[in-house]
Amino acid sequence: MKHIIPILLTLTIGFSQSLSSEEKQIQSYVEKHTENAIDLVEKLVNINSGSLNIKGNKKVGKILQAELDKLGFNTYWVTYPKEIKRSGHLFAEMRGGKGKNILLIGHLDTVFEPDHPFQKFIRDGDTAYGPGVSDMKAGDVSMVYIMKALKHIGTLKDMNLTLVFIGDEEKTGGDVAIVRKELVEAGKWANIGLGFEGAVGMNTGTVARRSASSWMLTVKGVQGHSSQIFKDKLGYGAIFEASRILNAFREELAPEEYLTFNPGTIVGGTDVTYDPVNSRGTTFGKTNVVSQSVTVHGGIRTISIPQLENAMKRMKEIASQNLPQTSADITFKTSYPPMEPTKANYALLDQMENVNLALGYGELEPLDPSKRGAADISFVAPHVDASLAGMGPDGFGDHSADEGLDLTSFPKTTTRAAILIYRLTR
C-alpha cells in the first residue's frame, strides 16, 4: 500500500515559496520556447484527429512520439483488434530510477470528425482558435515541453515517468475494461497522476472530476383507441408513464449536490426503433392511438461511486412504480468513474499552490467539480496516492466551433507543472 498524505503535507510545509536556480532555468526555457510550442500546437490542430479518424490520430501521435524519442523516452503504441475501430494509445516511458513514479495523461482525439466545418488553427493576437486547440492538443504539447525543460536542466534522465496519449477519449471504441486496461496498469505503477486537459483560469486546481455513465429507460404500454385511455383496459400508455418517471427523477434527485442526469434522446409511439451507438431512432404513432413503446437514452454524472450506486437504486425504484397497464425497465452502463476529492489530492494542490505563489500567479482554490466533465485521469485516480487534473493551458468553448486557447497561459501552466514535477522528484 502506498502512503503519500503525510509526505505531501510535510513537503507542502517545507517548500519555499521561491524558485531555486534550477526552477528559474525551467521557467526561462519554457518562456524562451513558447512560440516554438505554439507552432507545434498549430501543426497538430491542423491535422484532423476526430475519434473515428484513425489515420489522423496516428499522425498526431507520431509527431509527439518523434519529439519524445529525441528526449530519450521509450515510446510505443498500444493497439486493439480491428473491431475497436480506434487508433489506440501512445505510451512514452522514462525509467531513471529516482523519486516518485509520475503518470501524465493526454489524448490525441477530438470531437471534430473530417466532415465537420471547423478544421483549421487561427491565431488572433494572444488567442488561438481551432478544433481541439484547448481539448486538448495544447495540453499534449505542454507535456512535451515540460519534458524538454526537465532535460534542459539535466534531471529528466533520472526520473520515473510515463506519458500516455489516449486515442479515444472523446468516444471510446470498446468496453473500458479493454481500452483502458493499460492506462489502469500505468496508474497502479504510479504514485502521482496528472491530467493535462486545460486549466480553468490560473487560480483554480482540479482535485475532483465527476463520473460519466449512461442509462436506458424502456417503457411499455397497451395499444388501443385513445378514447379509452386512463380506463382499466388500456391504462395510461407508455408516453404518460415515461413522462411520470422522468418528472419523478427531476423532483426527487435533481436537488442532490454533484448529481446530474440528462435524458438526451427520447422516442415514443406505436412502433419505435432506437440505435444507442449512433443515438438515432424512428417512431410511428397516431393521435388517436394509445402509445405502446418509449425509449429514453440519458447520461448520469456523480462525484463518487456511492453516489452513483445510490442514484441508480433510486431511479430503479421510481421506474418500478408503474401507472396502470404500463411497465418500465431501466438499465445502466458505467463508463468513466469519478475522480474523488481525496485529502491527498488537496495536499497535492497545496504543493502546486506553492509553485503558483513562487511564480507570482497567486493562490489556488479547488475548482467546483460540477464545472468539469469526466476524463481519463478518473481511471487512474483510485490507484495512485494523489492526483490533479486541469494541468494544461487555459482554454474555452470546448466541443464547439468557438473552441479557443489563451496563448498567454501556455508558458505559465507549463512552467508550473514542470516545477511541480521537479519538486515531486527531489
Protein backbone atom coordinates (compact mmCIF):
# COMPACT_ATOMS: atom_id res chain seq x y z
CA MET A 1 0.00 0.00 0.00
CA LYS A 2 1.35 3.40 -0.99
CA HIS A 3 1.04 6.22 1.57
CA ILE A 4 1.57 9.80 0.49
CA ILE A 5 -0.66 12.07 2.55
CA PRO A 6 1.82 12.66 5.43
CA ILE A 7 4.68 13.05 2.94
CA LEU A 8 2.71 15.57 0.91
CA LEU A 9 1.77 17.58 3.95
CA THR A 10 5.38 17.68 5.12
CA LEU A 11 6.65 18.70 1.71
CA THR A 12 3.95 21.35 1.41
CA ILE A 13 5.16 23.00 4.59
CA GLY A 14 8.83 22.55 3.69
CA PHE A 15 8.77 24.02 0.19
CA SER A 16 9.88 27.59 -0.03
CA GLN A 17 7.63 29.99 -1.91
CA SER A 18 10.61 30.99 -4.03
CA LEU A 19 12.29 29.44 -7.03
CA SER A 20 15.59 27.59 -6.94
CA SER A 21 18.18 28.22 -9.64
CA GLU A 22 17.08 25.04 -11.45
CA GLU A 23 13.44 26.12 -11.31
CA LYS A 24 14.35 29.52 -12.72
CA GLN A 25 16.06 27.72 -15.58
CA ILE A 26 12.87 25.73 -16.20
CA GLN A 27 10.84 28.94 -16.36
CA SER A 28 13.38 30.59 -18.67
CA TYR A 29 13.45 27.61 -21.03
CA VAL A 30 9.66 27.38 -21.33
CA GLU A 31 9.24 31.12 -21.90
CA LYS A 32 12.04 31.19 -24.48
CA HIS A 33 10.46 28.32 -26.44
CA THR A 34 6.80 29.28 -26.15
CA GLU A 35 6.48 30.34 -29.80
CA ASN A 36 8.02 27.03 -30.88
CA ALA A 37 5.47 25.25 -28.74
CA ILE A 38 2.60 27.26 -30.23
CA ASP A 39 3.86 26.38 -33.71
CA LEU A 40 3.63 22.71 -32.74
CA VAL A 41 0.10 23.24 -31.39
CA GLU A 42 -0.84 24.79 -34.74
CA LYS A 43 0.65 21.86 -36.63
CA LEU A 44 -1.32 19.34 -34.55
CA VAL A 45 -4.59 21.29 -34.68
CA ASN A 46 -4.40 21.41 -38.48
CA ILE A 47 -4.37 17.59 -38.57
CA ASN A 48 -7.89 16.28 -38.16
CA SER A 49 -7.96 13.69 -35.39
CA GLY A 50 -11.61 13.07 -34.71
CA SER A 51 -12.05 9.93 -32.62
CA LEU A 52 -13.10 7.91 -35.69
CA ASN A 53 -10.21 9.19 -37.83
CA ILE A 54 -7.62 6.50 -37.13
CA LYS A 55 -5.08 7.84 -39.63
CA GLY A 56 -5.37 11.36 -38.23
CA ASN A 57 -4.87 10.22 -34.65
CA LYS A 58 -1.87 8.15 -35.67
CA LYS A 59 -0.38 11.15 -37.50
CA VAL A 60 -0.75 13.41 -34.46
CA GLY A 61 0.63 10.67 -32.22
CA LYS A 62 3.67 10.03 -34.40
CA ILE A 63 4.64 13.71 -34.28
CA LEU A 64 4.52 13.61 -30.48
CA GLN A 65 6.30 10.25 -30.49
CA ALA A 66 9.18 11.67 -32.54
CA GLU A 67 9.59 14.55 -30.07
CA LEU A 68 9.70 12.16 -27.12
CA ASP A 69 12.05 9.74 -28.87
CA LYS A 70 14.56 12.57 -29.22
CA LEU A 71 14.35 13.14 -25.46
CA GLY A 72 15.29 9.54 -24.70
CA PHE A 73 11.86 8.09 -23.92
CA ASN A 74 10.93 4.51 -24.72
CA THR A 75 7.81 5.02 -26.86
CA TYR A 76 5.30 2.50 -28.19
CA TRP A 77 1.70 2.17 -29.35
CA VAL A 78 -0.98 0.11 -27.65
CA THR A 79 -3.45 -1.07 -30.28
CA TYR A 80 -6.60 -3.20 -30.22
CA PRO A 81 -8.45 -5.61 -32.53
CA LYS A 82 -9.97 -4.17 -35.70
CA GLU A 83 -13.49 -4.21 -34.28
CA ILE A 84 -12.48 -1.49 -31.78
CA LYS A 85 -12.06 0.91 -34.76
CA ARG A 86 -9.79 3.38 -32.96
CA SER A 87 -6.13 4.39 -33.26
CA GLY A 88 -5.01 3.01 -29.90
CA HIS A 89 -2.82 4.92 -27.46
CA LEU A 90 0.72 6.32 -27.44
CA PHE A 91 2.84 5.48 -24.38
CA ALA A 92 6.21 7.03 -23.51
CA GLU A 93 8.32 5.84 -20.57
CA MET A 94 11.37 7.19 -18.76
CA ARG A 95 12.87 4.96 -16.07
CA GLY A 96 15.62 6.86 -14.28
CA GLY A 97 15.25 5.02 -11.01
CA LYS A 98 14.92 8.01 -8.69
CA GLY A 99 11.97 9.70 -7.00
CA LYS A 100 8.27 9.13 -7.27
CA ASN A 101 6.58 7.45 -10.24
CA ILE A 102 4.57 10.10 -12.09
CA LEU A 103 1.95 9.49 -14.77
CA LEU A 104 0.94 12.28 -17.18
CA ILE A 105 -2.22 11.87 -19.26
CA GLY A 106 -3.30 13.50 -22.51
CA HIS A 107 -5.39 12.47 -25.51
CA LEU A 108 -4.96 12.62 -29.27
CA ASP A 109 -8.56 12.68 -30.46
CA THR A 110 -11.10 15.49 -30.75
CA VAL A 111 -14.87 15.61 -31.24
CA PHE A 112 -14.45 17.12 -34.73
CA GLU A 113 -14.54 14.46 -37.46
CA PRO A 114 -13.30 15.18 -41.04
CA ASP A 115 -16.76 16.20 -42.24
CA HIS A 116 -17.07 18.98 -39.63
CA PRO A 117 -16.58 22.53 -40.99
CA PHE A 118 -14.32 23.51 -38.05
CA GLN A 119 -10.89 22.31 -39.18
CA LYS A 120 -8.16 24.98 -39.01
CA PHE A 121 -5.98 26.78 -36.47
CA ILE A 122 -6.48 30.57 -36.49
CA ARG A 123 -4.44 32.94 -34.35
CA ASP A 124 -5.80 36.30 -33.25
CA GLY A 125 -3.20 38.02 -31.08
CA ASP A 126 -2.96 36.14 -27.79
CA THR A 127 -5.88 33.87 -28.61
CA ALA A 128 -5.92 30.84 -30.88
CA TYR A 129 -8.98 29.07 -32.27
CA GLY A 130 -9.21 25.62 -33.74
CA PRO A 131 -10.58 22.08 -33.34
CA GLY A 132 -9.00 20.58 -30.25
CA VAL A 133 -6.75 23.57 -29.57
CA SER A 134 -7.95 23.53 -25.96
CA ASP A 135 -9.25 19.97 -25.68
CA MET A 136 -6.53 19.01 -25.77
CA LYS A 137 -3.69 19.46 -28.22
CA ALA A 138 -2.21 22.38 -26.28
CA GLY A 139 -2.10 20.11 -23.23
CA ASP A 140 -0.32 17.41 -25.26
CA VAL A 141 2.30 19.91 -26.42
CA SER A 142 2.64 21.22 -22.87
CA MET A 143 3.54 17.69 -21.73
CA VAL A 144 6.28 17.55 -24.37
CA TYR A 145 7.71 20.95 -23.41
CA ILE A 146 7.73 20.04 -19.74
CA MET A 147 9.95 17.13 -20.69
CA LYS A 148 12.17 19.40 -22.79
CA ALA A 149 12.57 21.81 -19.88
CA LEU A 150 13.44 19.00 -17.47
CA LYS A 151 16.01 17.64 -19.90
CA HIS A 152 17.44 21.16 -20.27
CA ILE A 153 18.32 21.24 -16.55
CA GLY A 154 19.67 17.68 -16.67
CA THR A 155 17.12 15.93 -14.44
CA LEU A 156 14.85 14.14 -16.94
CA LYS A 157 17.09 11.08 -17.28
CA ASP A 158 16.85 10.42 -13.54
CA MET A 159 13.04 10.47 -13.35
CA ASN A 160 10.41 7.72 -13.42
CA LEU A 161 7.73 8.99 -15.80
CA THR A 162 5.01 7.58 -18.02
CA LEU A 163 3.22 9.78 -20.55
CA VAL A 164 0.02 8.43 -22.08
CA PHE A 165 -1.82 9.94 -25.06
CA ILE A 166 -5.22 8.26 -25.36
CA GLY A 167 -6.69 7.77 -28.84
CA ASP A 168 -10.39 7.53 -27.96
CA GLU A 169 -11.04 9.82 -25.01
CA GLU A 170 -13.91 11.64 -26.71
CA LYS A 171 -15.65 8.48 -27.95
CA THR A 172 -14.41 5.18 -26.61
CA GLY A 173 -14.18 2.40 -29.17
CA GLY A 174 -14.93 -0.51 -26.85
CA ASP A 175 -15.54 -1.66 -23.32
CA VAL A 176 -13.42 0.43 -20.96
CA ALA A 177 -12.19 -2.76 -19.32
CA ILE A 178 -10.41 -3.40 -22.62
CA VAL A 179 -9.49 0.03 -23.97
CA ARG A 180 -8.31 1.45 -20.62
CA LYS A 181 -6.57 -1.68 -19.34
CA GLU A 182 -3.04 -0.39 -19.99
CA LEU A 183 -3.87 3.03 -18.55
CA VAL A 184 -5.13 1.43 -15.35
CA GLU A 185 -1.94 -0.65 -15.17
CA ALA A 186 0.09 2.56 -15.51
CA GLY A 187 -1.96 4.03 -12.66
CA LYS A 188 -1.13 1.06 -10.46
CA TRP A 189 2.57 1.68 -11.18
CA ALA A 190 2.38 5.41 -10.44
CA ASN A 191 2.42 7.38 -7.19
CA ILE A 192 1.09 10.60 -8.76
CA GLY A 193 -1.38 11.10 -11.62
CA LEU A 194 -1.59 14.39 -13.56
CA GLY A 195 -4.21 15.08 -16.23
CA PHE A 196 -3.33 17.72 -18.83
CA GLU A 197 -6.69 18.83 -20.11
CA GLY A 198 -6.94 22.61 -19.76
CA ALA A 199 -6.88 24.69 -16.60
CA VAL A 200 -9.85 26.84 -15.65
CA GLY A 201 -8.01 30.08 -15.01
CA MET A 202 -4.68 30.40 -13.23
CA ASN A 203 -6.20 30.40 -9.76
CA THR A 204 -8.05 27.08 -9.59
CA GLY A 205 -6.93 23.48 -9.32
CA THR A 206 -8.88 20.35 -10.18
CA VAL A 207 -8.90 17.90 -7.28
CA ALA A 208 -12.04 16.05 -8.43
CA ARG A 209 -13.93 15.17 -11.59
CA ARG A 210 -17.31 13.54 -11.85
CA SER A 211 -18.12 10.20 -13.44
CA ALA A 212 -19.86 9.71 -16.78
CA SER A 213 -22.24 6.81 -17.28
CA SER A 214 -25.42 6.24 -19.27
CA TRP A 215 -28.88 4.85 -18.73
CA MET A 216 -31.60 3.44 -20.96
CA LEU A 217 -35.26 3.58 -19.96
CA THR A 218 -37.67 1.30 -21.85
CA VAL A 219 -41.38 1.73 -21.21
CA LYS A 220 -44.26 -0.42 -22.44
CA GLY A 221 -47.98 0.29 -22.59
CA VAL A 222 -51.12 -1.23 -24.10
CA GLN A 223 -52.02 -0.07 -27.61
CA GLY A 224 -55.63 0.83 -28.26
CA HIS A 225 -58.12 3.55 -29.18
CA SER A 226 -57.32 6.80 -27.44
CA SER A 227 -60.94 7.26 -26.34
CA GLN A 228 -60.28 4.53 -23.77
CA ILE A 229 -57.09 5.94 -22.26
CA PHE A 230 -57.00 6.09 -18.43
CA LYS A 231 -59.58 3.28 -18.21
CA ASP A 232 -58.95 -0.18 -16.79
CA LYS A 233 -58.27 -2.00 -20.06
CA LEU A 234 -55.72 0.40 -21.63
CA GLY A 235 -54.42 2.32 -18.67
CA TYR A 236 -52.16 5.33 -19.24
CA GLY A 237 -49.97 4.37 -22.17
CA ALA A 238 -46.19 4.34 -22.48
CA ILE A 239 -45.67 8.07 -23.05
CA PHE A 240 -47.51 9.13 -19.90
CA GLU A 241 -45.57 6.54 -17.89
CA ALA A 242 -42.25 7.73 -19.32
CA SER A 243 -43.23 11.30 -18.50
CA ARG A 244 -44.08 10.32 -14.93
CA ILE A 245 -40.73 8.61 -14.46
CA LEU A 246 -38.69 11.47 -15.91
CA ASN A 247 -40.54 14.06 -13.86
CA ALA A 248 -40.03 11.99 -10.69
CA PHE A 249 -36.31 11.79 -11.45
CA ARG A 250 -36.27 15.58 -11.65
CA GLU A 251 -38.27 16.18 -8.50
CA GLU A 252 -36.58 13.61 -6.27
CA LEU A 253 -32.96 13.54 -7.45
CA ALA A 254 -32.17 16.92 -9.03
CA PRO A 255 -31.56 18.76 -5.71
CA GLU A 256 -28.67 16.43 -4.76
CA GLU A 257 -25.29 18.18 -4.98
CA TYR A 258 -22.93 16.97 -7.75
CA LEU A 259 -25.55 14.58 -9.14
CA THR A 260 -26.75 15.38 -12.65
CA PHE A 261 -28.68 13.23 -15.11
CA ASN A 262 -29.87 14.14 -18.55
CA PRO A 263 -32.39 12.43 -20.87
CA GLY A 264 -30.59 13.16 -24.14
CA THR A 265 -32.87 11.30 -26.54
CA ILE A 266 -36.49 10.11 -26.39
CA VAL A 267 -38.61 8.26 -28.95
CA GLY A 268 -42.15 7.09 -28.30
CA GLY A 269 -45.31 5.95 -30.06
CA THR A 270 -46.83 2.83 -31.56
CA ASP A 271 -43.68 1.50 -33.21
CA VAL A 272 -40.22 2.61 -32.08
CA THR A 273 -36.66 1.83 -33.14
CA TYR A 274 -33.53 3.16 -31.48
CA ASP A 275 -29.80 2.78 -32.18
CA PRO A 276 -27.87 3.64 -28.98
CA VAL A 277 -24.48 3.64 -30.69
CA ASN A 278 -25.41 6.43 -33.08
CA SER A 279 -28.13 7.95 -30.84
CA ARG A 280 -30.68 7.80 -33.64
CA GLY A 281 -34.22 6.45 -33.70
CA THR A 282 -37.56 6.37 -35.51
CA THR A 283 -41.11 6.43 -34.27
CA PHE A 284 -44.60 5.98 -35.66
CA GLY A 285 -47.85 6.74 -33.91
CA LYS A 286 -51.22 8.46 -34.22
CA THR A 287 -53.01 10.97 -32.05
CA ASN A 288 -55.96 8.58 -31.63
CA VAL A 289 -53.84 5.58 -30.60
CA VAL A 290 -52.52 5.00 -27.08
CA SER A 291 -48.72 4.65 -27.23
CA GLN A 292 -47.22 1.26 -26.51
CA SER A 293 -43.49 1.98 -26.52
CA VAL A 294 -40.97 4.61 -25.35
CA THR A 295 -37.18 4.56 -25.25
CA VAL A 296 -35.21 7.22 -23.37
CA HIS A 297 -31.40 7.36 -23.52
CA GLY A 298 -29.62 9.53 -20.98
CA GLY A 299 -26.43 10.24 -19.08
CA ILE A 300 -25.59 10.48 -15.39
CA ARG A 301 -22.66 12.09 -13.53
CA THR A 302 -21.66 11.68 -9.88
CA ILE A 303 -18.82 12.72 -7.59
CA SER A 304 -18.34 9.25 -6.06
CA ILE A 305 -19.14 5.58 -6.57
CA PRO A 306 -21.55 5.52 -3.57
CA GLN A 307 -23.43 8.48 -5.01
CA LEU A 308 -23.74 6.67 -8.36
CA GLU A 309 -24.90 3.46 -6.71
CA ASN A 310 -27.50 5.31 -4.63
CA ALA A 311 -28.78 7.24 -7.65
CA MET A 312 -29.14 4.07 -9.71
CA LYS A 313 -31.06 2.41 -6.88
CA ARG A 314 -33.46 5.34 -6.55
CA MET A 315 -34.00 5.61 -10.31
CA LYS A 316 -34.84 1.90 -10.47
CA GLU A 317 -37.34 2.29 -7.63
CA ILE A 318 -39.04 5.21 -9.40
CA ALA A 319 -39.21 3.27 -12.67
CA SER A 320 -40.87 0.32 -10.92
CA GLN A 321 -43.83 2.30 -9.51
CA ASN A 322 -45.85 1.99 -12.70
CA LEU A 323 -49.08 3.60 -13.78
CA PRO A 324 -51.88 1.12 -14.60
CA GLN A 325 -51.25 -1.15 -17.62
CA THR A 326 -47.66 0.02 -18.07
CA SER A 327 -44.25 -1.39 -17.28
CA ALA A 328 -40.76 0.09 -17.29
CA ASP A 329 -37.19 -1.12 -17.17
CA ILE A 330 -34.07 0.98 -16.66
CA THR A 331 -30.53 -0.24 -17.27
CA PHE A 332 -27.18 1.47 -16.66
CA LYS A 333 -23.86 1.32 -18.44
CA THR A 334 -20.97 2.59 -16.35
CA SER A 335 -18.17 4.22 -18.31
CA TYR A 336 -15.91 6.84 -16.71
CA PRO A 337 -15.55 6.51 -12.92
CA PRO A 338 -15.30 9.60 -10.71
CA MET A 339 -12.05 11.15 -9.57
CA GLU A 340 -12.97 11.65 -5.94
CA PRO A 341 -11.72 14.67 -3.92
CA THR A 342 -9.32 12.96 -1.51
CA LYS A 343 -7.25 14.54 1.25
CA ALA A 344 -4.10 13.63 -0.69
CA ASN A 345 -5.41 15.48 -3.75
CA TYR A 346 -5.91 18.61 -1.64
CA ALA A 347 -2.40 18.22 -0.23
CA LEU A 348 -1.01 17.93 -3.76
CA LEU A 349 -2.95 21.07 -4.71
CA ASP A 350 -1.25 22.83 -1.79
CA GLN A 351 2.10 21.92 -3.31
CA MET A 352 1.05 23.32 -6.67
CA GLU A 353 -0.16 26.47 -4.92
CA ASN A 354 3.33 26.94 -3.51
CA VAL A 355 4.67 26.80 -7.06
CA ASN A 356 1.96 29.21 -8.19
CA LEU A 357 2.91 31.65 -5.45
CA ALA A 358 6.62 31.36 -6.19
CA LEU A 359 5.88 32.22 -9.83
CA GLY A 360 3.77 35.19 -8.79
CA TYR A 361 0.47 33.76 -10.02
CA GLY A 362 -1.36 33.89 -6.68
CA GLU A 363 -3.25 31.45 -4.51
CA LEU A 364 -5.20 28.44 -5.79
CA GLU A 365 -8.75 27.39 -4.97
CA PRO A 366 -10.20 23.92 -5.60
CA LEU A 367 -12.40 24.03 -8.69
CA ASP A 368 -16.07 23.17 -8.21
CA PRO A 369 -16.34 19.58 -9.60
CA SER A 370 -19.64 20.45 -11.29
CA LYS A 371 -17.70 22.69 -13.70
CA ARG A 372 -15.83 19.75 -15.30
CA GLY A 373 -16.83 16.59 -17.09
CA ALA A 374 -15.24 13.16 -16.94
CA ALA A 375 -11.68 12.42 -18.06
CA ASP A 376 -9.21 9.57 -18.32
CA ILE A 377 -7.45 10.52 -15.09
CA SER A 378 -10.51 9.08 -13.35
CA PHE A 379 -9.37 5.57 -14.33
CA VAL A 380 -6.04 6.27 -12.63
CA ALA A 381 -7.19 8.17 -9.53
CA PRO A 382 -8.25 5.13 -7.44
CA HIS A 383 -4.80 3.58 -7.83
CA VAL A 384 -2.40 6.49 -7.28
CA ASP A 385 -1.63 8.18 -3.98
CA ALA A 386 -2.74 11.58 -5.25
CA SER A 387 -3.89 13.17 -8.50
CA LEU A 388 -4.66 16.52 -10.07
CA ALA A 389 -6.39 17.37 -13.34
CA GLY A 390 -6.62 20.57 -15.37
CA MET A 391 -2.84 20.88 -15.66
CA GLY A 392 -2.84 22.16 -19.25
CA PRO A 393 -3.17 25.68 -20.70
CA ASP A 394 -6.37 27.68 -20.16
CA GLY A 395 -8.93 27.33 -22.93
CA PHE A 396 -12.63 27.84 -23.59
CA GLY A 397 -15.50 26.72 -25.81
CA ASP A 398 -14.53 23.05 -25.78
CA HIS A 399 -16.52 20.83 -28.16
CA SER A 400 -17.83 23.84 -30.09
CA ALA A 401 -16.85 25.77 -33.22
CA ASP A 402 -15.75 28.58 -30.88
CA GLU A 403 -13.10 26.48 -29.14
CA GLY A 404 -10.13 28.63 -28.23
CA LEU A 405 -6.97 28.94 -26.17
CA ASP A 406 -5.45 31.75 -24.13
CA LEU A 407 -1.90 31.64 -25.51
CA THR A 408 -0.56 33.71 -22.61
CA SER A 409 -1.46 30.83 -20.29
CA PHE A 410 0.72 28.30 -22.12
CA PRO A 411 4.10 29.24 -20.59
CA LYS A 412 2.52 29.76 -17.17
CA THR A 413 0.77 26.40 -16.81
CA THR A 414 3.66 24.56 -18.49
CA THR A 415 6.24 26.12 -16.17
CA ARG A 416 4.03 25.48 -13.14
CA ALA A 417 3.57 21.82 -14.00
CA ALA A 418 7.26 21.32 -14.80
CA ILE A 419 8.37 22.78 -11.48
CA LEU A 420 5.77 20.72 -9.59
CA ILE A 421 7.10 17.55 -11.23
CA TYR A 422 10.66 18.63 -10.49
CA ARG A 423 9.81 19.16 -6.80
CA LEU A 424 7.93 15.86 -6.56
CA THR A 425 11.01 14.02 -7.77
CA ARG A 426 13.55 15.66 -5.44
